[in-house]
């Protein structure tokens, strides 16, 4: 279980990095809040997808 959480956080960081680079190229401001919200959103979406698939 611990490895799954670490993997989820690493994937969230990679997604946040890609979003941050994309926003910078578009000329938008990137702050720590941007990273935090993207990572949080990614984790919530992945956990919701896991919950939905585990119910069946």
PDB file of N, CA and C in Angstrom:
ATOM      1  N   UNK A   1       0.818  -1.192   0.000  1.00  0.00           N
ATOM      2  CA  UNK A   1       0.000   0.000   0.000  1.00  0.00           C
ATOM      3  C   UNK A   1       0.866   1.262   0.000  1.00  0.00           C
ATOM      4  N   UNK A   2       1.966   1.214   0.734  1.00  0.00           N
ATOM      5  CA  UNK A   2       2.857   2.361   0.806  1.00  0.00           C
ATOM      6  C   UNK A   2       3.482   2.694  -0.539  1.00  0.00           C
ATOM      7  N   UNK A   3       3.805   1.648  -1.306  1.00  0.00           N
ATOM      8  CA  UNK A   3       4.382   1.865  -2.629  1.00  0.00           C
ATOM      9  C   UNK A   3       3.375   2.515  -3.568  1.00  0.00           C
ATOM     10  N   UNK A   4       2.111   2.150  -3.435  1.00  0.00           N
ATOM     11  CA  UNK A   4       1.068   2.731  -4.277  1.00  0.00           C
ATOM     12  C   UNK A   4       0.904   4.226  -3.993  1.00  0.00           C
ATOM     13  N   UNK A   5       1.010   4.610  -2.743  1.00  0.00           N
ATOM     14  CA  UNK A   5       0.884   6.027  -2.383  1.00  0.00           C
ATOM     15  C   UNK A   5       2.067   6.819  -2.931  1.00  0.00           C
ATOM     16  N   UNK A   6       3.251   6.254  -2.822  1.00  0.00           N
ATOM     17  CA  UNK A   6       4.438   6.924  -3.357  1.00  0.00           C
ATOM     18  C   UNK A   6       4.323   7.060  -4.871  1.00  0.00           C
ATOM     19  N   UNK A   7       3.885   6.007  -5.542  1.00  0.00           N
ATOM     20  CA  UNK A   7       3.701   6.053  -6.990  1.00  0.00           C
ATOM     21  C   UNK A   7       2.672   7.112  -7.371  1.00  0.00           C
ATOM     22  N   UNK A   8       1.582   7.188  -6.632  1.00  0.00           N
ATOM     23  CA  UNK A   8       0.546   8.188  -6.896  1.00  0.00           C
ATOM     24  C   UNK A   8       1.106   9.600  -6.754  1.00  0.00           C
ATOM     25  N   UNK A   9       1.913   9.834  -5.732  1.00  0.00           N
ATOM     26  CA  UNK A   9       2.498  11.157  -5.533  1.00  0.00           C
ATOM     27  C   UNK A   9       3.515  11.502  -6.617  1.00  0.00           C
ATOM     28  N   UNK A  10       4.292  10.516  -7.043  1.00  0.00           N
ATOM     29  CA  UNK A  10       5.261  10.756  -8.121  1.00  0.00           C
ATOM     30  C   UNK A  10       4.529  11.089  -9.422  1.00  0.00           C
ATOM     31  N   UNK A  11       3.484  10.338  -9.727  1.00  0.00           N
ATOM     32  CA  UNK A  11       2.703  10.621 -10.929  1.00  0.00           C
ATOM     33  C   UNK A  11       2.048  11.995 -10.852  1.00  0.00           C
ATOM     34  N   UNK A  12       1.558  12.358  -9.675  1.00  0.00           N
ATOM     35  CA  UNK A  12       0.953  13.681  -9.502  1.00  0.00           C
ATOM     36  C   UNK A  12       1.989  14.772  -9.719  1.00  0.00           C
ATOM     37  N   UNK A  13       3.201  14.571  -9.247  1.00  0.00           N
ATOM     38  CA  UNK A  13       4.259  15.562  -9.445  1.00  0.00           C
ATOM     39  C   UNK A  13       4.625  15.693 -10.924  1.00  0.00           C
ATOM     40  N   UNK A  14       4.646  14.582 -11.643  1.00  0.00           N
ATOM     41  CA  UNK A  14       4.951  14.628 -13.076  1.00  0.00           C
ATOM     42  C   UNK A  14       3.855  15.380 -13.823  1.00  0.00           C
ATOM     43  N   UNK A  15       2.611  15.110 -13.507  1.00  0.00           N
ATOM     44  CA  UNK A  15       1.497  15.809 -14.149  1.00  0.00           C
ATOM     45  C   UNK A  15       1.562  17.299 -13.828  1.00  0.00           C
ATOM     46  N   UNK A  16       1.842  17.646 -12.585  1.00  0.00           N
ATOM     47  CA  UNK A  16       1.938  19.059 -12.199  1.00  0.00           C
ATOM     48  C   UNK A  16       3.085  19.742 -12.929  1.00  0.00           C
ATOM     49  N   UNK A  17       4.193  19.040 -13.125  1.00  0.00           N
ATOM     50  CA  UNK A  17       5.327  19.602 -13.851  1.00  0.00           C
ATOM     51  C   UNK A  17       4.950  19.908 -15.300  1.00  0.00           C
ATOM     52  N   UNK A  18       4.266  18.977 -15.926  1.00  0.00           N
ATOM     53  CA  UNK A  18       3.842  19.170 -17.318  1.00  0.00           C
ATOM     54  C   UNK A  18       2.870  20.341 -17.420  1.00  0.00           C
ATOM     55  N   UNK A  19       1.931  20.419 -16.505  1.00  0.00           N
ATOM     56  CA  UNK A  19       0.963  21.527 -16.515  1.00  0.00           C
ATOM     57  C   UNK A  19       1.680  22.855 -16.278  1.00  0.00           C
ATOM     58  N   UNK A  20       2.623  22.882 -15.359  1.00  0.00           N
ATOM     59  CA  UNK A  20       3.355  24.112 -15.067  1.00  0.00           C
ATOM     60  C   UNK A  20       4.160  24.577 -16.284  1.00  0.00           C
ATOM     61  N   UNK A  21       4.827  23.642 -16.946  1.00  0.00           N
ATOM     62  CA  UNK A  21       5.591  24.013 -18.151  1.00  0.00           C
ATOM     63  C   UNK A  21       4.675  24.517 -19.256  1.00  0.00           C
ATOM     64  N   UNK A  22       3.535  23.875 -19.402  1.00  0.00           N
ATOM     65  CA  UNK A  22       2.578  24.305 -20.422  1.00  0.00           C
ATOM     66  C   UNK A  22       2.058  25.704 -20.119  1.00  0.00           C
ATOM     67  N   UNK A  23       1.742  25.953 -18.855  1.00  0.00           N
ATOM     68  CA  UNK A  23       1.252  27.279 -18.472  1.00  0.00           C
ATOM     69  C   UNK A  23       2.323  28.344 -18.689  1.00  0.00           C
ATOM     70  N   UNK A  24       3.587  28.024 -18.382  1.00  0.00           N
ATOM     71  CA  UNK A  24       4.673  28.979 -18.610  1.00  0.00           C
ATOM     72  C   UNK A  24       4.819  29.307 -20.088  1.00  0.00           C
ATOM     73  N   UNK A  25       4.726  28.291 -20.938  1.00  0.00           N
ATOM     74  CA  UNK A  25       4.846  28.527 -22.383  1.00  0.00           C
ATOM     75  C   UNK A  25       3.687  29.364 -22.902  1.00  0.00           C
ATOM     76  N   UNK A  26       2.534  29.268 -22.271  1.00  0.00           N
ATOM     77  CA  UNK A  26       1.375  30.068 -22.679  1.00  0.00           C
ATOM     78  C   UNK A  26       1.439  31.475 -22.102  1.00  0.00           C
ATOM     79  N   UNK A  27       2.423  31.738 -21.245  1.00  0.00           N
ATOM     80  CA  UNK A  27       2.587  33.065 -20.666  1.00  0.00           C
ATOM     81  C   UNK A  27       1.791  33.287 -19.396  1.00  0.00           C
ATOM     82  N   UNK A  28       1.285  32.222 -18.817  1.00  0.00           N
ATOM     83  CA  UNK A  28       0.518  32.338 -17.573  1.00  0.00           C
ATOM     84  C   UNK A  28       1.449  32.205 -16.367  1.00  0.00           C
ATOM     85  N   UNK A  29       1.002  32.725 -15.260  1.00  0.00           N
ATOM     86  CA  UNK A  29       1.795  32.690 -14.033  1.00  0.00           C
ATOM     87  C   UNK A  29       1.704  31.297 -13.401  1.00  0.00           C
ATOM     88  N   UNK A  30       2.835  30.809 -12.938  1.00  0.00           N
ATOM     89  CA  UNK A  30       2.883  29.519 -12.243  1.00  0.00           C
ATOM     90  C   UNK A  30       3.430  29.769 -10.846  1.00  0.00           C
ATOM     91  N   UNK A  31       2.649  29.400  -9.844  1.00  0.00           N
ATOM     92  CA  UNK A  31       3.067  29.554  -8.450  1.00  0.00           C
ATOM     93  C   UNK A  31       3.032  28.189  -7.750  1.00  0.00           C
ATOM     94  N   UNK A  32       3.357  28.211  -6.490  1.00  0.00           N
ATOM     95  CA  UNK A  32       3.262  26.993  -5.692  1.00  0.00           C
ATOM     96  C   UNK A  32       1.833  26.500  -5.575  1.00  0.00           C
ATOM     97  N   UNK A  33       0.889  27.443  -5.566  1.00  0.00           N
ATOM     98  CA  UNK A  33      -0.521  27.052  -5.507  1.00  0.00           C
ATOM     99  C   UNK A  33      -0.931  26.281  -6.751  1.00  0.00           C
ATOM    100  N   UNK A  34      -0.373  26.671  -7.880  1.00  0.00           N
ATOM    101  CA  UNK A  34      -0.677  25.957  -9.129  1.00  0.00           C
ATOM    102  C   UNK A  34      -0.261  24.496  -8.997  1.00  0.00           C
ATOM    103  N   UNK A  35       0.960  24.286  -8.528  1.00  0.00           N
ATOM    104  CA  UNK A  35       1.451  22.922  -8.333  1.00  0.00           C
ATOM    105  C   UNK A  35       0.564  22.159  -7.352  1.00  0.00           C
ATOM    106  N   UNK A  36       0.229  22.798  -6.245  1.00  0.00           N
ATOM    107  CA  UNK A  36      -0.573  22.146  -5.211  1.00  0.00           C
ATOM    108  C   UNK A  36      -1.947  21.746  -5.732  1.00  0.00           C
ATOM    109  N   UNK A  37      -2.627  22.649  -6.424  1.00  0.00           N
ATOM    110  CA  UNK A  37      -3.976  22.360  -6.921  1.00  0.00           C
ATOM    111  C   UNK A  37      -3.960  21.288  -8.004  1.00  0.00           C
ATOM    112  N   UNK A  38      -2.977  21.313  -8.871  1.00  0.00           N
ATOM    113  CA  UNK A  38      -2.900  20.287  -9.916  1.00  0.00           C
ATOM    114  C   UNK A  38      -2.634  18.928  -9.288  1.00  0.00           C
ATOM    115  N   UNK A  39      -1.707  18.863  -8.349  1.00  0.00           N
ATOM    116  CA  UNK A  39      -1.410  17.587  -7.691  1.00  0.00           C
ATOM    117  C   UNK A  39      -2.617  17.073  -6.908  1.00  0.00           C
ATOM    118  N   UNK A  40      -3.288  17.966  -6.189  1.00  0.00           N
ATOM    119  CA  UNK A  40      -4.465  17.565  -5.419  1.00  0.00           C
ATOM    120  C   UNK A  40      -5.570  17.063  -6.336  1.00  0.00           C
ATOM    121  N   UNK A  41      -5.808  17.792  -7.419  1.00  0.00           N
ATOM    122  CA  UNK A  41      -6.831  17.377  -8.372  1.00  0.00           C
ATOM    123  C   UNK A  41      -6.532  16.031  -8.988  1.00  0.00           C
ATOM    124  N   UNK A  42      -5.266  15.810  -9.343  1.00  0.00           N
ATOM    125  CA  UNK A  42      -4.868  14.530  -9.924  1.00  0.00           C
ATOM    126  C   UNK A  42      -5.088  13.382  -8.934  1.00  0.00           C
ATOM    127  N   UNK A  43      -4.678  13.580  -7.700  1.00  0.00           N
ATOM    128  CA  UNK A  43      -4.832  12.532  -6.686  1.00  0.00           C
ATOM    129  C   UNK A  43      -6.314  12.226  -6.455  1.00  0.00           C
ATOM    130  N   UNK A  44      -7.138  13.249  -6.363  1.00  0.00           N
ATOM    131  CA  UNK A  44      -8.575  13.043  -6.135  1.00  0.00           C
ATOM    132  C   UNK A  44      -9.200  12.282  -7.308  1.00  0.00           C
ATOM    133  N   UNK A  45      -8.866  12.674  -8.532  1.00  0.00           N
ATOM    134  CA  UNK A  45      -9.433  12.002  -9.703  1.00  0.00           C
ATOM    135  C   UNK A  45      -9.009  10.539  -9.754  1.00  0.00           C
ATOM    136  N   UNK A  46      -7.731  10.264  -9.494  1.00  0.00           N
ATOM    137  CA  UNK A  46      -7.253   8.878  -9.521  1.00  0.00           C
ATOM    138  C   UNK A  46      -7.918   8.054  -8.418  1.00  0.00           C
ATOM    139  N   UNK A  47      -8.053   8.626  -7.231  1.00  0.00           N
ATOM    140  CA  UNK A  47      -8.706   7.887  -6.143  1.00  0.00           C
ATOM    141  C   UNK A  47     -10.181   7.639  -6.435  1.00  0.00           C
ATOM    142  N   UNK A  48     -10.853   8.596  -7.050  1.00  0.00           N
ATOM    143  CA  UNK A  48     -12.250   8.386  -7.442  1.00  0.00           C
ATOM    144  C   UNK A  48     -12.365   7.281  -8.493  1.00  0.00           C
ATOM    145  N   UNK A  49     -11.464   7.280  -9.450  1.00  0.00           N
ATOM    146  CA  UNK A  49     -11.477   6.227 -10.466  1.00  0.00           C
ATOM    147  C   UNK A  49     -11.232   4.856  -9.826  1.00  0.00           C
ATOM    148  N   UNK A  50     -10.328   4.799  -8.858  1.00  0.00           N
ATOM    149  CA  UNK A  50     -10.060   3.541  -8.163  1.00  0.00           C
ATOM    150  C   UNK A  50     -11.292   3.083  -7.385  1.00  0.00           C
ATOM    151  N   UNK A  51     -11.943   4.009  -6.699  1.00  0.00           N
ATOM    152  CA  UNK A  51     -13.133   3.671  -5.917  1.00  0.00           C
ATOM    153  C   UNK A  51     -14.247   3.144  -6.807  1.00  0.00           C
ATOM    154  N   UNK A  52     -14.440   3.771  -7.935  1.00  0.00           N
ATOM    155  CA  UNK A  52     -15.496   3.335  -8.848  1.00  0.00           C
ATOM    156  C   UNK A  52     -15.188   1.945  -9.400  1.00  0.00           C
ATOM    157  N   UNK A  53     -13.938   1.689  -9.727  1.00  0.00           N
ATOM    158  CA  UNK A  53     -13.591   0.375 -10.288  1.00  0.00           C
ATOM    159  C   UNK A  53     -13.596  -0.705  -9.211  1.00  0.00           C
ATOM    160  N   UNK A  54     -13.341  -0.369  -7.954  1.00  0.00           N
ATOM    161  CA  UNK A  54     -13.280  -1.359  -6.882  1.00  0.00           C
ATOM    162  C   UNK A  54     -14.672  -1.788  -6.415  1.00  0.00           C
ATOM    163  N   UNK A  55     -15.684  -1.006  -6.710  1.00  0.00           N
ATOM    164  CA  UNK A  55     -17.039  -1.351  -6.275  1.00  0.00           C
ATOM    165  C   UNK A  55     -17.584  -2.557  -6.992  1.00  0.00           C
ATOM    166  N   UNK A  56     -17.179  -2.805  -8.203  1.00  0.00           N
ATOM    167  CA  UNK A  56     -17.791  -3.869  -9.006  1.00  0.00           C
ATOM    168  C   UNK A  56     -17.271  -5.205  -8.666  1.00  0.00           C
TER     169      UNK A  56
END
